């Protein structure tokens, strides 16, 4: 960093000296007749400075890129990520070539066609062929880039495969909550934002029996490697954004508008430790939408592992119904039996003073109290 500042200081001082020199020349010329020889010398100096400035700028840009490469992300850990990376670098390559060529011509022309005695500029009022070339070629290139980008986005937003593993991630100030569909099925239960409270932070609706085995985690999200993942995304309060940089996953979490992203992670966390040479490497899910004072801390660990390890970990987790028995009160009576295996024993037992009702054949309701 010190070298960069020093280089910029030298460049600034050099430019300042040139500006002062030019201002002195302007003042001198304004006070008397202009000498032809002085104009020629001045033009030659300016022309050479154009070339020098372009070469130094090109060297600086190349050095900046090479220096910044150490901070680039490693190869994406997902097929769609590698494809989007390819499209990114393809676009950057085309833009870089166009930038270098046009600026090279700009600075070269400033030097080559400087004012000289006896030279007369050619006048081109129009050139239809040239205009057609510089209009059609960029238009075709842009159309191809837009089409390939649209196709990649369409593939990501397409319907997930039937065997895709489903997860949900919910953003709130200032943490993520990951919800799993349990191990009995691959179906998340319904949710209702009106049901959100301290014991049910994601608003799981327990009138849906698919919710009974759902469990949540606020510290990590475990997913199997080489298996399609459908990540359902929503937000509880303000706008958040799910970002998994190494998988090239990025999608906004919008209150009241669930979104989704499908991907396949093809490198486990342990494999990435070897690839990066970092024994402490971990995938991370971060928030990339400024959502308040605690935005910087809004992150959750992502663990990518083989399917057997993932299943074993899932089986060790307790459904929210098991870890939060008070949620049993939200289960309809006709679903209590199905939910019983997920509830602790004391949650399924009848209360000490309860009233049970039975309906007689003729519709007469008889209530009896148990003590």
Protein backbone atom coordinates (compact mmCIF):
# COMPACT_ATOMS: atom_id res chain seq x y z
CA UNK A 1 0.00 0.00 0.00
CA UNK A 2 2.90 2.34 0.78
CA UNK A 3 4.31 1.78 -2.71
CA UNK A 4 0.96 2.59 -4.29
CA UNK A 5 0.68 5.85 -2.35
CA UNK A 6 4.25 6.76 -3.28
CA UNK A 7 3.62 6.02 -6.96
CA UNK A 8 0.44 8.10 -6.94
CA UNK A 9 2.30 10.94 -5.23
CA UNK A 10 5.01 10.92 -7.92
CA UNK A 11 2.40 10.88 -10.69
CA UNK A 12 0.51 13.72 -9.02
CA UNK A 13 3.64 15.84 -8.66
CA UNK A 14 4.59 15.17 -12.27
CA UNK A 15 1.16 16.17 -13.51
CA UNK A 16 1.19 19.23 -11.28
CA UNK A 17 4.53 20.28 -12.78
CA UNK A 18 3.14 19.87 -16.29
CA UNK A 19 0.05 21.91 -15.43
CA UNK A 20 2.14 24.70 -13.91
CA UNK A 21 4.39 24.71 -16.97
CA UNK A 22 1.42 24.88 -19.31
CA UNK A 23 -0.18 27.69 -17.32
CA UNK A 24 3.07 29.65 -17.48
CA UNK A 25 3.17 29.17 -21.26
CA UNK A 26 -0.44 30.33 -21.59
CA UNK A 27 0.29 33.46 -19.57
CA UNK A 28 3.37 34.17 -21.67
CA UNK A 29 1.50 33.66 -24.94
CA UNK A 30 -1.34 35.87 -23.80
CA UNK A 31 1.07 38.77 -23.28
CA UNK A 32 2.57 38.71 -26.75
CA UNK A 33 2.66 37.08 -30.20
CA UNK A 34 2.92 33.28 -30.35
CA UNK A 35 6.06 31.81 -31.83
CA UNK A 36 5.46 29.05 -34.38
CA UNK A 37 8.39 27.00 -33.12
CA UNK A 38 7.04 27.09 -29.60
CA UNK A 39 3.67 25.70 -30.76
CA UNK A 40 5.37 22.80 -32.53
CA UNK A 41 7.46 21.93 -29.49
CA UNK A 42 4.43 22.13 -27.21
CA UNK A 43 2.41 19.82 -29.46
CA UNK A 44 5.22 17.28 -29.59
CA UNK A 45 5.51 17.30 -25.81
CA UNK A 46 1.75 16.86 -25.39
CA UNK A 47 1.69 14.08 -27.96
CA UNK A 48 4.48 12.18 -26.22
CA UNK A 49 2.82 12.67 -22.84
CA UNK A 50 -0.33 11.07 -24.28
CA UNK A 51 1.64 7.94 -25.20
CA UNK A 52 3.46 7.88 -21.85
CA UNK A 53 0.20 8.30 -19.94
CA UNK A 54 -1.45 5.45 -21.88
CA UNK A 55 1.48 3.07 -21.37
CA UNK A 56 1.73 3.86 -17.65
CA UNK A 57 -2.03 3.50 -17.27
CA UNK A 58 -1.98 0.14 -19.02
CA UNK A 59 0.88 -1.08 -16.82
CA UNK A 60 -0.92 0.15 -13.71
CA UNK A 61 -4.17 -1.58 -14.70
CA UNK A 62 -2.35 -4.86 -15.41
CA UNK A 63 -0.46 -4.68 -12.11
CA UNK A 64 -3.66 -3.90 -10.22
CA UNK A 65 -5.40 -6.94 -11.73
CA UNK A 66 -2.51 -9.30 -11.03
CA UNK A 67 -2.17 -8.03 -7.46
CA UNK A 68 -5.90 -8.40 -6.80
CA UNK A 69 -5.96 -12.03 -8.01
CA UNK A 70 -4.90 -13.21 -4.57
CA UNK A 71 -8.22 -11.95 -3.23
CA UNK A 72 -10.35 -13.65 -5.89
CA UNK A 73 -12.62 -16.49 -4.85
CA UNK A 74 -11.44 -19.99 -5.79
CA UNK A 75 -13.19 -21.97 -8.48
CA UNK A 76 -16.91 -22.23 -7.77
CA UNK A 77 -18.10 -25.30 -5.89
CA UNK A 78 -21.20 -25.70 -8.04
CA UNK A 79 -21.80 -26.38 -11.76
CA UNK A 80 -23.97 -23.30 -12.23
CA UNK A 81 -21.32 -21.23 -10.42
CA UNK A 82 -18.60 -22.28 -12.84
CA UNK A 83 -20.88 -21.45 -15.75
CA UNK A 84 -21.71 -17.99 -14.41
CA UNK A 85 -18.01 -17.41 -13.75
CA UNK A 86 -17.30 -18.29 -17.38
CA UNK A 87 -19.93 -15.81 -18.54
CA UNK A 88 -18.51 -13.15 -16.24
CA UNK A 89 -14.95 -13.55 -17.52
CA UNK A 90 -16.19 -13.76 -21.11
CA UNK A 91 -17.93 -10.41 -20.69
CA UNK A 92 -14.92 -8.93 -18.92
CA UNK A 93 -12.59 -10.12 -21.68
CA UNK A 94 -14.71 -8.55 -24.41
CA UNK A 95 -15.01 -5.29 -22.48
CA UNK A 96 -11.28 -5.23 -21.73
CA UNK A 97 -10.32 -5.76 -25.37
CA UNK A 98 -12.74 -3.03 -26.47
CA UNK A 99 -11.44 -0.68 -23.76
CA UNK A 100 -7.77 -1.22 -24.61
CA UNK A 101 -8.28 -0.93 -28.37
CA UNK A 102 -10.41 2.23 -28.23
CA UNK A 103 -8.13 3.96 -25.73
CA UNK A 104 -5.02 2.92 -27.64
CA UNK A 105 -6.48 4.53 -30.75
CA UNK A 106 -7.53 7.60 -28.76
CA UNK A 107 -4.05 8.25 -27.35
CA UNK A 108 -2.28 7.20 -30.55
CA UNK A 109 -4.34 9.59 -32.66
CA UNK A 110 -3.62 12.41 -30.21
CA UNK A 111 0.09 11.82 -30.81
CA UNK A 112 0.05 10.86 -34.49
CA UNK A 113 -2.22 13.64 -35.71
CA UNK A 114 -0.88 16.51 -33.65
CA UNK A 115 -0.73 19.88 -35.36
CA UNK A 116 2.10 20.23 -37.85
CA UNK A 117 2.80 23.01 -40.29
CA UNK A 118 1.52 22.14 -43.75
CA UNK A 119 -0.80 19.36 -42.53
CA UNK A 120 -4.50 19.59 -43.26
CA UNK A 121 -7.08 17.37 -41.58
CA UNK A 122 -9.30 15.20 -43.78
CA UNK A 123 -13.00 15.90 -43.47
CA UNK A 124 -15.47 12.98 -43.33
CA UNK A 125 -19.04 14.29 -43.08
CA UNK A 126 -20.38 10.71 -43.14
CA UNK A 127 -19.31 7.13 -43.71
CA UNK A 128 -22.23 4.71 -43.79
CA UNK A 129 -20.08 1.61 -44.02
CA UNK A 130 -18.04 2.54 -40.97
CA UNK A 131 -21.17 3.48 -39.00
CA UNK A 132 -22.80 0.18 -39.92
CA UNK A 133 -19.75 -1.78 -38.75
CA UNK A 134 -19.42 -0.07 -35.37
CA UNK A 135 -23.17 -0.38 -34.77
CA UNK A 136 -23.86 -3.95 -35.90
CA UNK A 137 -20.82 -5.66 -34.32
CA UNK A 138 -21.41 -4.31 -30.77
CA UNK A 139 -25.14 -5.01 -31.12
CA UNK A 140 -24.53 -8.65 -32.09
CA UNK A 141 -21.99 -9.16 -29.30
CA UNK A 142 -24.32 -7.60 -26.72
CA UNK A 143 -27.24 -9.71 -27.94
CA UNK A 144 -25.19 -12.90 -27.56
CA UNK A 145 -24.06 -11.93 -24.06
CA UNK A 146 -27.61 -11.09 -23.00
CA UNK A 147 -28.97 -14.33 -24.45
CA UNK A 148 -26.37 -16.54 -22.74
CA UNK A 149 -26.95 -14.72 -19.44
CA UNK A 150 -30.71 -15.09 -19.75
CA UNK A 151 -30.36 -18.81 -20.50
CA UNK A 152 -28.16 -19.34 -17.44
CA UNK A 153 -30.66 -17.49 -15.24
CA UNK A 154 -33.56 -19.44 -16.73
CA UNK A 155 -31.84 -22.72 -15.86
CA UNK A 156 -31.32 -21.58 -12.26
CA UNK A 157 -34.92 -20.43 -11.89
CA UNK A 158 -36.43 -23.51 -13.57
CA UNK A 159 -38.43 -26.05 -11.59
CA UNK A 160 -36.18 -28.04 -9.28
CA UNK A 161 -35.67 -31.74 -10.06
CA UNK A 162 -38.09 -34.12 -8.38
CA UNK A 163 -35.30 -35.54 -6.21
CA UNK A 164 -34.06 -32.13 -5.04
CA UNK A 165 -33.52 -31.85 -1.29
CA UNK A 166 -35.62 -29.03 0.12
CA UNK A 167 -34.49 -26.54 2.75
CA UNK A 168 -35.74 -23.17 3.90
CA UNK A 169 -33.79 -20.21 5.19
CA UNK A 170 -35.51 -17.31 6.93
CA UNK A 171 -33.85 -13.96 7.49
CA UNK A 172 -34.55 -11.68 10.40
CA UNK A 173 -32.63 -8.95 12.16
CA UNK A 174 -29.92 -10.13 12.64
CA UNK A 175 -29.58 -13.84 11.97
CA UNK A 176 -30.60 -16.64 9.64
CA UNK A 177 -32.87 -19.51 10.64
CA UNK A 178 -32.49 -22.72 8.64
CA UNK A 179 -35.48 -25.08 8.53
CA UNK A 180 -35.19 -28.73 7.55
CA UNK A 181 -38.01 -31.06 6.44
CA UNK A 182 -36.96 -33.80 8.88
CA UNK A 183 -35.92 -37.29 7.83
CA UNK A 184 -39.34 -38.91 7.41
CA UNK A 185 -40.06 -37.06 4.18
CA UNK A 186 -38.68 -34.32 1.99
CA UNK A 187 -41.54 -31.91 2.52
CA UNK A 188 -41.50 -28.74 4.56
CA UNK A 189 -44.64 -27.90 6.48
CA UNK A 190 -46.71 -24.82 5.77
CA UNK A 191 -46.04 -21.52 7.49
CA UNK A 192 -48.04 -18.48 8.46
CA UNK A 193 -46.42 -15.24 9.52
CA UNK A 194 -49.25 -14.68 12.02
CA UNK A 195 -48.00 -17.69 14.00
CA UNK A 196 -44.54 -16.21 14.60
CA UNK A 197 -43.61 -15.83 18.25
CA UNK A 198 -40.66 -16.59 20.55
CA UNK A 199 -41.27 -20.34 20.45
CA UNK A 200 -42.04 -20.50 16.73
CA UNK A 201 -39.68 -18.05 15.04
CA UNK A 202 -40.43 -19.16 11.49
CA UNK A 203 -44.22 -19.33 11.87
CA UNK A 204 -44.56 -23.08 11.26
CA UNK A 205 -48.20 -24.07 10.87
CA UNK A 206 -48.93 -27.21 12.88
CA UNK A 207 -52.29 -27.76 11.26
CA UNK A 208 -50.15 -29.25 8.47
CA UNK A 209 -48.86 -32.68 9.49
CA UNK A 210 -45.82 -32.23 7.23
CA UNK A 211 -44.62 -29.73 9.85
CA UNK A 212 -44.40 -32.26 12.67
CA UNK A 213 -40.85 -33.44 11.96
CA UNK A 214 -39.45 -30.06 10.85
CA UNK A 215 -36.47 -28.84 12.83
CA UNK A 216 -34.53 -25.59 12.76
CA UNK A 217 -30.99 -24.35 13.32
CA UNK A 218 -29.64 -20.84 13.77
CA UNK A 219 -25.96 -21.77 13.65
CA UNK A 220 -25.50 -23.93 10.55
CA UNK A 221 -27.12 -25.38 7.48
CA UNK A 222 -26.09 -28.92 6.51
CA UNK A 223 -26.59 -30.06 2.91
CA UNK A 224 -25.55 -33.22 1.02
CA UNK A 225 -22.92 -33.02 -1.70
CA UNK A 226 -23.73 -33.79 -5.36
CA UNK A 227 -27.46 -33.61 -4.74
CA UNK A 228 -29.78 -30.95 -6.18
CA UNK A 229 -30.80 -28.45 -3.51
CA UNK A 230 -33.93 -26.32 -3.53
CA UNK A 231 -33.40 -23.46 -1.11
CA UNK A 232 -36.61 -21.67 -0.21
CA UNK A 233 -35.99 -18.13 1.01
CA UNK A 234 -38.06 -15.62 2.93
CA UNK A 235 -37.68 -12.72 5.35
CA UNK A 236 -39.51 -11.88 8.56
CA UNK A 237 -38.95 -8.15 8.84
CA UNK A 238 -36.86 -6.19 6.34
CA UNK A 239 -35.10 -6.92 3.08
CA UNK A 240 -32.19 -9.37 3.41
CA UNK A 241 -30.15 -11.20 0.80
CA UNK A 242 -28.79 -14.75 0.86
CA UNK A 243 -25.22 -14.95 -0.40
CA UNK A 244 -23.10 -18.11 -0.54
CA UNK A 245 -19.98 -16.82 -2.31
CA UNK A 246 -18.17 -20.11 -2.93
CA UNK A 247 -21.30 -21.61 -4.48
CA UNK A 248 -22.16 -18.40 -6.39
CA UNK A 249 -25.61 -18.32 -4.81
CA UNK A 250 -27.24 -14.91 -4.43
CA UNK A 251 -30.93 -14.21 -3.91
CA UNK A 252 -32.90 -11.54 -2.06
CA UNK A 253 -35.06 -12.46 0.92
CA UNK A 254 -38.11 -10.25 0.63
CA UNK A 255 -40.78 -9.86 3.34
CA UNK A 256 -44.10 -11.19 2.06
CA UNK A 257 -42.60 -12.57 -1.16
CA UNK A 258 -40.89 -15.98 -0.84
CA UNK A 259 -38.07 -16.58 -3.31
CA UNK A 260 -35.97 -19.63 -4.12
CA UNK A 261 -32.67 -20.75 -5.59
CA UNK A 262 -31.67 -24.20 -6.80
CA UNK A 263 -28.08 -25.39 -6.96
CA UNK A 264 -25.84 -28.41 -6.49
CA UNK A 265 -22.74 -28.28 -4.30
CA UNK A 266 -20.12 -30.65 -5.71
CA UNK A 267 -17.29 -30.05 -3.23
CA UNK A 268 -17.56 -30.92 0.43
CA UNK A 269 -16.28 -28.66 3.17
CA UNK A 270 -13.37 -31.05 3.76
CA UNK A 271 -12.46 -31.01 0.06
CA UNK A 272 -12.42 -27.23 0.09
CA UNK A 273 -10.06 -27.27 3.07
CA UNK A 274 -7.59 -29.20 0.91
CA UNK A 275 -8.17 -27.06 -2.18
CA UNK A 276 -7.72 -23.77 -0.36
CA UNK A 277 -4.98 -25.04 1.94
CA UNK A 278 -6.94 -23.60 4.84
CA UNK A 279 -7.72 -26.14 7.59
CA UNK A 280 -10.25 -23.70 9.05
CA UNK A 281 -12.15 -23.18 5.82
CA UNK A 282 -15.91 -23.13 6.06
CA UNK A 283 -18.67 -22.23 3.65
CA UNK A 284 -20.63 -19.20 4.79
CA UNK A 285 -24.11 -17.85 4.17
CA UNK A 286 -23.97 -14.08 4.58
CA UNK A 287 -26.43 -11.24 4.17
CA UNK A 288 -25.50 -8.82 1.39
CA UNK A 289 -28.33 -6.36 1.90
CA UNK A 290 -27.75 -3.70 4.54
CA UNK A 291 -30.53 -4.50 7.01
CA UNK A 292 -29.64 -2.51 10.11
CA UNK A 293 -26.94 -2.00 12.71
CA UNK A 294 -26.30 -5.72 13.18
CA UNK A 295 -26.02 -6.47 9.45
CA UNK A 296 -22.31 -7.28 9.72
CA UNK A 297 -23.00 -10.19 12.07
CA UNK A 298 -25.74 -11.81 10.00
CA UNK A 299 -24.14 -15.04 8.88
CA UNK A 300 -24.56 -18.77 9.28
CA UNK A 301 -22.20 -21.66 8.60
CA UNK A 302 -22.88 -23.97 5.66
CA UNK A 303 -21.66 -27.56 5.93
CA UNK A 304 -21.44 -29.61 2.74
CA UNK A 305 -20.90 -33.30 3.43
CA UNK A 306 -21.52 -36.72 1.93
CA UNK A 307 -25.11 -37.90 2.04
CA UNK A 308 -24.51 -40.59 4.68
CA UNK A 309 -22.96 -38.07 7.08
CA UNK A 310 -25.73 -35.60 6.34
CA UNK A 311 -28.45 -38.16 7.08
CA UNK A 312 -26.71 -39.19 10.29
CA UNK A 313 -26.54 -35.57 11.41
CA UNK A 314 -30.21 -34.98 10.58
CA UNK A 315 -31.26 -38.03 12.61
CA UNK A 316 -29.49 -36.57 15.63
CA UNK A 317 -31.58 -33.40 15.49
CA UNK A 318 -34.84 -33.02 17.38
CA UNK A 319 -38.00 -31.76 15.69
CA UNK A 320 -39.17 -28.40 16.96
CA UNK A 321 -42.19 -30.15 18.47
CA UNK A 322 -39.86 -32.26 20.61
CA UNK A 323 -37.62 -29.44 21.77
CA UNK A 324 -40.50 -26.99 22.29
CA UNK A 325 -43.37 -28.99 23.89
CA UNK A 326 -45.64 -25.94 24.25
CA UNK A 327 -46.17 -26.06 20.49
CA UNK A 328 -48.28 -29.18 21.04
CA UNK A 329 -51.18 -26.89 21.92
CA UNK A 330 -51.26 -25.73 18.30
CA UNK A 331 -51.91 -29.20 16.89
CA UNK A 332 -55.56 -29.87 15.98
CA UNK A 333 -57.22 -32.67 17.93
CA UNK A 334 -57.64 -34.83 14.83
CA UNK A 335 -53.85 -34.78 14.22
CA UNK A 336 -52.71 -35.38 17.81
CA UNK A 337 -52.26 -39.11 17.22
CA UNK A 338 -50.02 -38.55 14.19
CA UNK A 339 -47.95 -36.01 16.09
CA UNK A 340 -47.59 -38.17 19.20
CA UNK A 341 -44.28 -39.76 18.18
CA UNK A 342 -42.65 -36.33 17.91
CA UNK A 343 -43.92 -35.08 21.26
CA UNK A 344 -42.31 -35.68 24.65
CA UNK A 345 -44.27 -38.00 26.94
CA UNK A 346 -45.44 -35.22 29.25
CA UNK A 347 -46.84 -33.27 26.30
CA UNK A 348 -49.05 -36.16 25.18
CA UNK A 349 -50.42 -36.95 28.64
CA UNK A 350 -53.78 -35.48 29.59
CA UNK A 351 -53.65 -32.49 31.97
CA UNK A 352 -54.65 -33.01 35.60
CA UNK A 353 -57.91 -31.09 35.22
CA UNK A 354 -59.20 -31.55 31.73
CA UNK A 355 -62.56 -31.81 30.16
CA UNK A 356 -63.17 -34.50 27.57
CA UNK A 357 -66.17 -34.59 25.35
CA UNK A 358 -67.87 -37.43 23.57
CA UNK A 359 -70.65 -37.23 21.04
CA UNK A 360 -73.53 -39.65 21.46
CA UNK A 361 -75.24 -41.15 18.41
CA UNK A 362 -78.13 -38.69 18.59
CA UNK A 363 -75.79 -35.69 18.77
CA UNK A 364 -76.01 -35.24 22.54
CA UNK A 365 -72.72 -33.94 23.93
CA UNK A 366 -71.73 -35.25 27.33
CA UNK A 367 -68.79 -33.63 29.10
CA UNK A 368 -66.88 -35.36 31.83
CA UNK A 369 -64.06 -34.02 33.95
CA UNK A 370 -61.03 -36.08 34.91
CA UNK A 371 -59.12 -35.39 38.10
